[in-house]
C-alpha cells in the first residue's frame, strides 16, 4: 500500500507558476507509475500528466503540454508538477495517484489504485 499527500496549491494570477508536490509513504515507491489528475467544479476528473517508474517517460494532456512538467525523486518518494503560464481554466482540485499500470492506460483514472486528498489550485484572471 501507499499513502499520498499533495501540497503546493494556492491562488495565483494568470501567467504565474506553482509547483505541486506529492509525497508517498509506504514501500516500493519506485514500483508505481504516478499520475496527476484534476477536477473542476461541475466537471469530471481529467488526466493532467503521468510519469513512469523511472521518471524517464512522461505523458501530458494536450491542454497542459508545454506548460506543465512532471518529475519525480525516487530517493525522496516525491513526485512534482511544475505548472507555468497558468490559465484560469487550470483552476481545479489537483490529485496525485499511483498504480501498477502500463503505458496504454496512464490517462485512465480507473487504472490507478491509490489517490491523495487533493490540493486546490485557483488561477485568477
N, C-alpha and C. Protein backbone atom coordinates (compact mmCIF):
# COMPACT_ATOMS: atom_id res chain seq x y z
N UNK A 1 0.83 -1.21 0.00
CA UNK A 1 0.00 0.00 0.00
C UNK A 1 0.85 1.24 0.00
N UNK A 2 0.28 2.34 -0.46
CA UNK A 2 0.97 3.62 -0.44
C UNK A 2 -0.03 4.70 -0.10
N UNK A 3 0.41 5.66 0.67
CA UNK A 3 -0.41 6.82 1.01
C UNK A 3 0.19 8.04 0.36
N UNK A 4 -0.66 8.89 -0.18
CA UNK A 4 -0.22 10.03 -0.96
C UNK A 4 -0.73 11.33 -0.34
N UNK A 5 0.14 12.31 -0.25
CA UNK A 5 -0.23 13.62 0.29
C UNK A 5 0.26 14.70 -0.65
N UNK A 6 -0.67 15.49 -1.19
CA UNK A 6 -0.32 16.59 -2.09
C UNK A 6 -0.14 17.88 -1.29
N UNK A 7 0.64 18.77 -1.84
CA UNK A 7 0.80 20.11 -1.29
C UNK A 7 1.24 21.04 -2.40
N UNK A 8 1.19 22.35 -2.10
CA UNK A 8 1.70 23.32 -3.05
C UNK A 8 0.64 24.10 -3.79
N UNK A 9 -0.63 23.75 -3.59
CA UNK A 9 -1.68 24.50 -4.25
C UNK A 9 -1.82 25.89 -3.67
N UNK A 10 -2.64 26.71 -4.32
CA UNK A 10 -2.86 28.05 -3.84
C UNK A 10 -3.51 28.92 -4.89
N UNK A 11 -3.47 30.21 -4.63
CA UNK A 11 -4.06 31.20 -5.53
C UNK A 11 -2.94 31.91 -6.28
N UNK A 12 -3.06 31.98 -7.59
CA UNK A 12 -2.05 32.64 -8.40
C UNK A 12 -2.74 33.37 -9.55
N UNK A 13 -2.12 34.42 -10.02
CA UNK A 13 -2.68 35.15 -11.15
C UNK A 13 -2.34 34.46 -12.46
N UNK A 14 -3.15 34.71 -13.45
CA UNK A 14 -2.90 34.13 -14.77
C UNK A 14 -1.49 34.50 -15.24
N UNK A 15 -0.83 33.51 -15.80
CA UNK A 15 0.55 33.68 -16.23
C UNK A 15 1.58 33.29 -15.18
N UNK A 16 1.12 33.06 -13.97
CA UNK A 16 2.01 32.70 -12.89
C UNK A 16 2.34 31.22 -12.87
N UNK A 17 3.07 30.83 -11.81
CA UNK A 17 3.54 29.45 -11.69
C UNK A 17 3.26 28.91 -10.29
N UNK A 18 3.12 27.62 -10.23
CA UNK A 18 3.04 26.89 -8.97
C UNK A 18 3.74 25.55 -9.16
N UNK A 19 4.24 25.00 -8.05
CA UNK A 19 4.78 23.65 -8.08
C UNK A 19 4.07 22.81 -7.05
N UNK A 20 3.43 21.77 -7.51
CA UNK A 20 2.77 20.83 -6.63
C UNK A 20 3.72 19.70 -6.27
N UNK A 21 3.56 19.19 -5.06
CA UNK A 21 4.33 18.04 -4.61
C UNK A 21 3.38 16.95 -4.17
N UNK A 22 3.81 15.73 -4.33
CA UNK A 22 3.05 14.57 -3.86
C UNK A 22 4.04 13.65 -3.17
N UNK A 23 3.90 13.52 -1.86
CA UNK A 23 4.79 12.68 -1.09
C UNK A 23 4.11 11.34 -0.83
N UNK A 24 4.84 10.28 -1.10
CA UNK A 24 4.31 8.93 -0.91
C UNK A 24 4.95 8.28 0.30
N UNK A 25 4.12 7.67 1.11
CA UNK A 25 4.64 6.89 2.23
C UNK A 25 4.33 5.43 1.98
N UNK A 26 5.10 4.58 2.61
CA UNK A 26 4.94 3.16 2.35
C UNK A 26 6.07 2.66 1.49
N UNK A 27 5.97 1.43 1.16
CA UNK A 27 7.07 0.81 0.44
C UNK A 27 6.94 0.92 -1.06
N UNK A 28 8.06 0.73 -1.70
CA UNK A 28 8.07 0.46 -3.13
C UNK A 28 7.55 1.59 -4.00
N UNK A 29 7.92 2.82 -3.65
CA UNK A 29 7.50 3.96 -4.48
C UNK A 29 7.96 3.76 -5.91
N UNK A 30 9.13 3.21 -6.09
CA UNK A 30 9.67 3.08 -7.45
C UNK A 30 8.93 2.06 -8.30
N UNK A 31 8.04 1.30 -7.71
CA UNK A 31 7.28 0.33 -8.50
C UNK A 31 6.00 0.93 -9.06
N UNK A 32 5.70 2.17 -8.70
CA UNK A 32 4.44 2.79 -9.11
C UNK A 32 4.63 3.78 -10.25
N UNK A 33 3.78 3.66 -11.23
CA UNK A 33 3.57 4.76 -12.17
C UNK A 33 2.74 5.80 -11.44
N UNK A 34 3.10 7.04 -11.60
CA UNK A 34 2.42 8.12 -10.88
C UNK A 34 1.69 9.02 -11.86
N UNK A 35 0.60 9.59 -11.38
CA UNK A 35 -0.18 10.47 -12.24
C UNK A 35 -0.72 11.68 -11.51
N UNK A 36 -1.04 12.69 -12.28
CA UNK A 36 -1.75 13.88 -11.80
C UNK A 36 -3.08 13.97 -12.54
N UNK A 37 -4.12 14.22 -11.79
CA UNK A 37 -5.44 14.46 -12.34
C UNK A 37 -6.00 15.72 -11.71
N UNK A 38 -7.03 16.28 -12.33
CA UNK A 38 -7.66 17.46 -11.74
C UNK A 38 -9.17 17.40 -11.96
N UNK A 39 -9.86 18.09 -11.08
CA UNK A 39 -11.32 18.13 -11.18
C UNK A 39 -11.79 19.54 -10.85
N UNK A 40 -12.43 20.16 -11.82
CA UNK A 40 -13.01 21.48 -11.64
C UNK A 40 -14.47 21.32 -11.22
N UNK A 41 -15.02 22.34 -10.58
CA UNK A 41 -16.42 22.25 -10.13
C UNK A 41 -17.36 21.93 -11.28
N UNK A 42 -18.21 20.94 -11.07
CA UNK A 42 -19.19 20.57 -12.08
C UNK A 42 -18.64 19.77 -13.24
N UNK A 43 -17.36 19.42 -13.17
CA UNK A 43 -16.75 18.67 -14.27
C UNK A 43 -16.22 17.34 -13.76
N UNK A 44 -15.98 16.44 -14.71
CA UNK A 44 -15.40 15.16 -14.35
C UNK A 44 -13.90 15.30 -14.12
N UNK A 45 -13.37 14.35 -13.37
CA UNK A 45 -11.93 14.33 -13.15
C UNK A 45 -11.23 14.05 -14.47
N UNK A 46 -10.16 14.79 -14.75
CA UNK A 46 -9.46 14.63 -16.01
C UNK A 46 -7.97 14.43 -15.80
N UNK A 47 -7.40 13.74 -16.74
CA UNK A 47 -5.97 13.46 -16.73
C UNK A 47 -5.18 14.73 -16.99
N UNK A 48 -4.08 14.89 -16.27
CA UNK A 48 -3.18 16.03 -16.47
C UNK A 48 -1.82 15.54 -16.95
N UNK A 49 -1.20 14.66 -16.19
CA UNK A 49 0.15 14.19 -16.52
C UNK A 49 0.42 12.87 -15.82
N UNK A 50 1.39 12.16 -16.35
CA UNK A 50 1.81 10.93 -15.71
C UNK A 50 3.31 10.75 -15.93
N UNK A 51 3.93 9.96 -15.04
CA UNK A 51 5.36 9.74 -15.14
C UNK A 51 5.66 8.29 -14.82
N UNK A 52 6.57 7.73 -15.58
CA UNK A 52 6.91 6.32 -15.41
C UNK A 52 7.67 6.08 -14.12
N UNK A 53 7.85 4.81 -13.78
CA UNK A 53 8.51 4.45 -12.53
C UNK A 53 9.91 5.02 -12.44
N UNK A 54 10.63 5.03 -13.53
CA UNK A 54 12.00 5.54 -13.52
C UNK A 54 12.05 7.06 -13.64
N UNK A 55 10.96 7.65 -14.09
CA UNK A 55 10.95 9.08 -14.33
C UNK A 55 11.40 9.47 -15.72
N UNK A 56 11.77 8.50 -16.52
CA UNK A 56 12.30 8.81 -17.86
C UNK A 56 11.19 9.21 -18.82
N UNK A 57 10.04 8.59 -18.68
CA UNK A 57 8.94 8.83 -19.62
C UNK A 57 7.82 9.60 -18.94
N UNK A 58 7.31 10.59 -19.65
CA UNK A 58 6.19 11.37 -19.15
C UNK A 58 5.11 11.48 -20.23
N UNK A 59 3.90 11.67 -19.77
CA UNK A 59 2.75 11.86 -20.65
C UNK A 59 1.97 13.07 -20.17
N UNK A 60 1.40 13.82 -21.11
CA UNK A 60 0.68 15.03 -20.76
C UNK A 60 -0.63 15.14 -21.54
N UNK A 61 -1.61 15.77 -20.89
CA UNK A 61 -2.80 16.16 -21.62
C UNK A 61 -2.44 17.27 -22.59
N UNK A 62 -3.13 17.32 -23.70
CA UNK A 62 -2.83 18.36 -24.70
C UNK A 62 -2.99 19.75 -24.11
N UNK A 63 -3.93 19.90 -23.20
CA UNK A 63 -4.22 21.22 -22.64
C UNK A 63 -3.10 21.78 -21.78
N UNK A 64 -2.19 20.92 -21.32
CA UNK A 64 -1.10 21.40 -20.44
C UNK A 64 0.28 21.19 -21.05
N UNK A 65 0.34 20.54 -22.20
CA UNK A 65 1.63 20.24 -22.82
C UNK A 65 2.37 21.51 -23.12
N UNK A 66 3.65 21.55 -22.74
CA UNK A 66 4.45 22.74 -22.94
C UNK A 66 4.39 23.73 -21.80
N UNK A 67 3.44 23.57 -20.90
CA UNK A 67 3.31 24.47 -19.75
C UNK A 67 3.59 23.74 -18.43
N UNK A 68 3.22 22.48 -18.35
CA UNK A 68 3.40 21.70 -17.13
C UNK A 68 4.51 20.67 -17.33
N UNK A 69 5.23 20.41 -16.23
CA UNK A 69 6.28 19.40 -16.26
C UNK A 69 6.17 18.51 -15.04
N UNK A 70 6.10 17.23 -15.26
CA UNK A 70 6.05 16.27 -14.17
C UNK A 70 7.43 15.66 -13.96
N UNK A 71 7.81 15.49 -12.71
CA UNK A 71 9.09 14.86 -12.38
C UNK A 71 8.93 14.08 -11.08
N UNK A 72 9.92 13.29 -10.77
CA UNK A 72 9.86 12.54 -9.53
C UNK A 72 11.26 12.35 -8.97
N UNK A 73 11.34 12.25 -7.65
CA UNK A 73 12.59 11.98 -6.95
C UNK A 73 12.37 10.69 -6.19
N UNK A 74 12.90 9.61 -6.71
CA UNK A 74 12.66 8.30 -6.10
C UNK A 74 13.42 8.10 -4.79
N UNK A 75 14.36 8.96 -4.49
CA UNK A 75 15.02 8.90 -3.18
C UNK A 75 14.13 9.53 -2.12
N UNK A 76 13.46 10.61 -2.50
CA UNK A 76 12.58 11.32 -1.56
C UNK A 76 11.14 10.83 -1.61
N UNK A 77 10.86 9.84 -2.45
CA UNK A 77 9.49 9.34 -2.60
C UNK A 77 8.51 10.47 -2.92
N UNK A 78 8.91 11.33 -3.81
CA UNK A 78 8.11 12.52 -4.11
C UNK A 78 7.98 12.72 -5.61
N UNK A 79 6.78 13.13 -5.99
CA UNK A 79 6.52 13.50 -7.38
C UNK A 79 6.16 14.98 -7.40
N UNK A 80 6.51 15.64 -8.49
CA UNK A 80 6.27 17.07 -8.61
C UNK A 80 5.49 17.37 -9.89
N UNK A 81 4.78 18.50 -9.85
CA UNK A 81 4.17 19.03 -11.06
C UNK A 81 4.47 20.52 -11.09
N UNK A 82 5.37 20.89 -11.97
CA UNK A 82 5.69 22.30 -12.18
C UNK A 82 4.70 22.86 -13.18
N UNK A 83 3.97 23.88 -12.78
CA UNK A 83 2.93 24.46 -13.62
C UNK A 83 3.30 25.90 -13.94
N UNK A 84 3.53 26.18 -15.19
CA UNK A 84 3.88 27.52 -15.65
C UNK A 84 2.79 28.06 -16.56
N UNK A 85 2.83 29.36 -16.78
CA UNK A 85 1.86 30.02 -17.67
C UNK A 85 0.43 29.59 -17.35
N UNK A 86 0.11 29.65 -16.09
CA UNK A 86 -1.20 29.17 -15.66
C UNK A 86 -2.33 30.03 -16.22
N UNK A 87 -3.44 29.35 -16.48
CA UNK A 87 -4.62 29.99 -17.05
C UNK A 87 -5.81 29.79 -16.11
N UNK A 88 -6.80 30.66 -16.18
CA UNK A 88 -7.98 30.47 -15.32
C UNK A 88 -8.62 29.09 -15.48
N UNK A 89 -8.54 28.53 -16.67
CA UNK A 89 -9.13 27.22 -16.88
C UNK A 89 -8.34 26.08 -16.23
N UNK A 90 -7.19 26.39 -15.66
CA UNK A 90 -6.44 25.40 -14.89
C UNK A 90 -6.96 25.28 -13.46
N UNK A 91 -7.87 26.16 -13.09
CA UNK A 91 -8.44 26.12 -11.75
C UNK A 91 -9.14 24.80 -11.50
N UNK A 92 -8.74 24.11 -10.43
CA UNK A 92 -9.30 22.79 -10.11
C UNK A 92 -8.66 22.28 -8.83
N UNK A 93 -9.21 21.20 -8.33
CA UNK A 93 -8.52 20.42 -7.30
C UNK A 93 -7.63 19.42 -8.02
N UNK A 94 -6.37 19.41 -7.65
CA UNK A 94 -5.39 18.53 -8.28
C UNK A 94 -5.10 17.35 -7.36
N UNK A 95 -5.14 16.16 -7.95
CA UNK A 95 -4.93 14.92 -7.22
C UNK A 95 -3.72 14.18 -7.79
N UNK A 96 -2.94 13.59 -6.90
CA UNK A 96 -1.94 12.66 -7.39
C UNK A 96 -2.43 11.24 -7.19
N UNK A 97 -1.92 10.36 -8.00
CA UNK A 97 -2.39 8.98 -7.99
C UNK A 97 -1.21 8.05 -8.27
N UNK A 98 -1.34 6.82 -7.81
CA UNK A 98 -0.29 5.83 -8.00
C UNK A 98 -0.92 4.50 -8.40
N UNK A 99 -0.21 3.77 -9.22
CA UNK A 99 -0.71 2.46 -9.61
C UNK A 99 0.32 1.64 -10.33
N UNK A 100 0.04 0.37 -10.42
CA UNK A 100 0.84 -0.52 -11.23
C UNK A 100 0.10 -0.68 -12.56
N UNK A 101 0.52 0.08 -13.54
CA UNK A 101 -0.20 0.12 -14.79
C UNK A 101 0.74 0.31 -15.96
N UNK A 102 0.24 -0.03 -17.13
CA UNK A 102 1.05 0.10 -18.32
C UNK A 102 0.83 1.42 -19.03
N UNK A 103 1.68 1.69 -19.97
CA UNK A 103 1.68 2.97 -20.67
C UNK A 103 0.37 3.24 -21.41
N UNK A 104 -0.31 2.20 -21.83
CA UNK A 104 -1.52 2.40 -22.62
C UNK A 104 -2.67 2.98 -21.82
N UNK A 105 -2.62 2.86 -20.50
CA UNK A 105 -3.76 3.28 -19.68
C UNK A 105 -3.42 4.42 -18.73
N UNK A 106 -2.31 5.09 -18.91
CA UNK A 106 -1.90 6.11 -17.94
C UNK A 106 -2.90 7.26 -17.87
N UNK A 107 -3.70 7.46 -18.91
CA UNK A 107 -4.66 8.57 -18.92
C UNK A 107 -6.00 8.19 -18.28
N UNK A 108 -6.13 6.95 -17.88
CA UNK A 108 -7.40 6.48 -17.31
C UNK A 108 -7.34 6.49 -15.79
N UNK A 109 -8.21 7.25 -15.16
CA UNK A 109 -8.19 7.35 -13.71
C UNK A 109 -8.47 5.99 -13.06
N UNK A 110 -9.25 5.17 -13.71
CA UNK A 110 -9.60 3.88 -13.14
C UNK A 110 -8.41 2.92 -13.08
N UNK A 111 -7.33 3.25 -13.75
CA UNK A 111 -6.15 2.38 -13.74
C UNK A 111 -5.30 2.57 -12.49
N UNK A 112 -5.55 3.63 -11.75
CA UNK A 112 -4.75 3.95 -10.57
C UNK A 112 -5.42 3.40 -9.30
N UNK A 113 -4.59 2.90 -8.39
CA UNK A 113 -5.10 2.25 -7.19
C UNK A 113 -5.17 3.18 -5.98
N UNK A 114 -4.30 4.16 -5.93
CA UNK A 114 -4.18 4.99 -4.73
C UNK A 114 -4.26 6.46 -5.13
N UNK A 115 -4.91 7.23 -4.25
CA UNK A 115 -5.15 8.65 -4.51
C UNK A 115 -4.85 9.48 -3.29
N UNK A 116 -4.38 10.69 -3.54
CA UNK A 116 -4.24 11.66 -2.47
C UNK A 116 -5.55 12.38 -2.22
N UNK A 117 -5.52 13.30 -1.26
CA UNK A 117 -6.74 14.01 -0.86
C UNK A 117 -7.02 15.23 -1.75
N UNK A 118 -6.03 15.65 -2.51
CA UNK A 118 -6.21 16.78 -3.42
C UNK A 118 -5.70 18.09 -2.84
N UNK A 119 -5.32 18.98 -3.73
CA UNK A 119 -4.90 20.33 -3.34
C UNK A 119 -5.52 21.31 -4.33
N UNK A 120 -6.05 22.41 -3.81
CA UNK A 120 -6.76 23.37 -4.63
C UNK A 120 -5.80 24.31 -5.35
N UNK A 121 -6.01 24.48 -6.64
CA UNK A 121 -5.28 25.46 -7.43
C UNK A 121 -6.31 26.41 -8.01
N UNK A 122 -6.13 27.69 -7.74
CA UNK A 122 -7.04 28.71 -8.25
C UNK A 122 -6.23 29.74 -9.01
N UNK A 123 -6.62 29.97 -10.27
CA UNK A 123 -5.91 30.91 -11.13
C UNK A 123 -6.84 32.07 -11.43
N UNK A 124 -6.46 33.25 -10.98
CA UNK A 124 -7.26 34.43 -11.21
C UNK A 124 -6.95 35.06 -12.56
N UNK A 125 -7.97 35.68 -13.11
CA UNK A 125 -7.78 36.31 -14.42
C UNK A 125 -7.30 37.74 -14.30
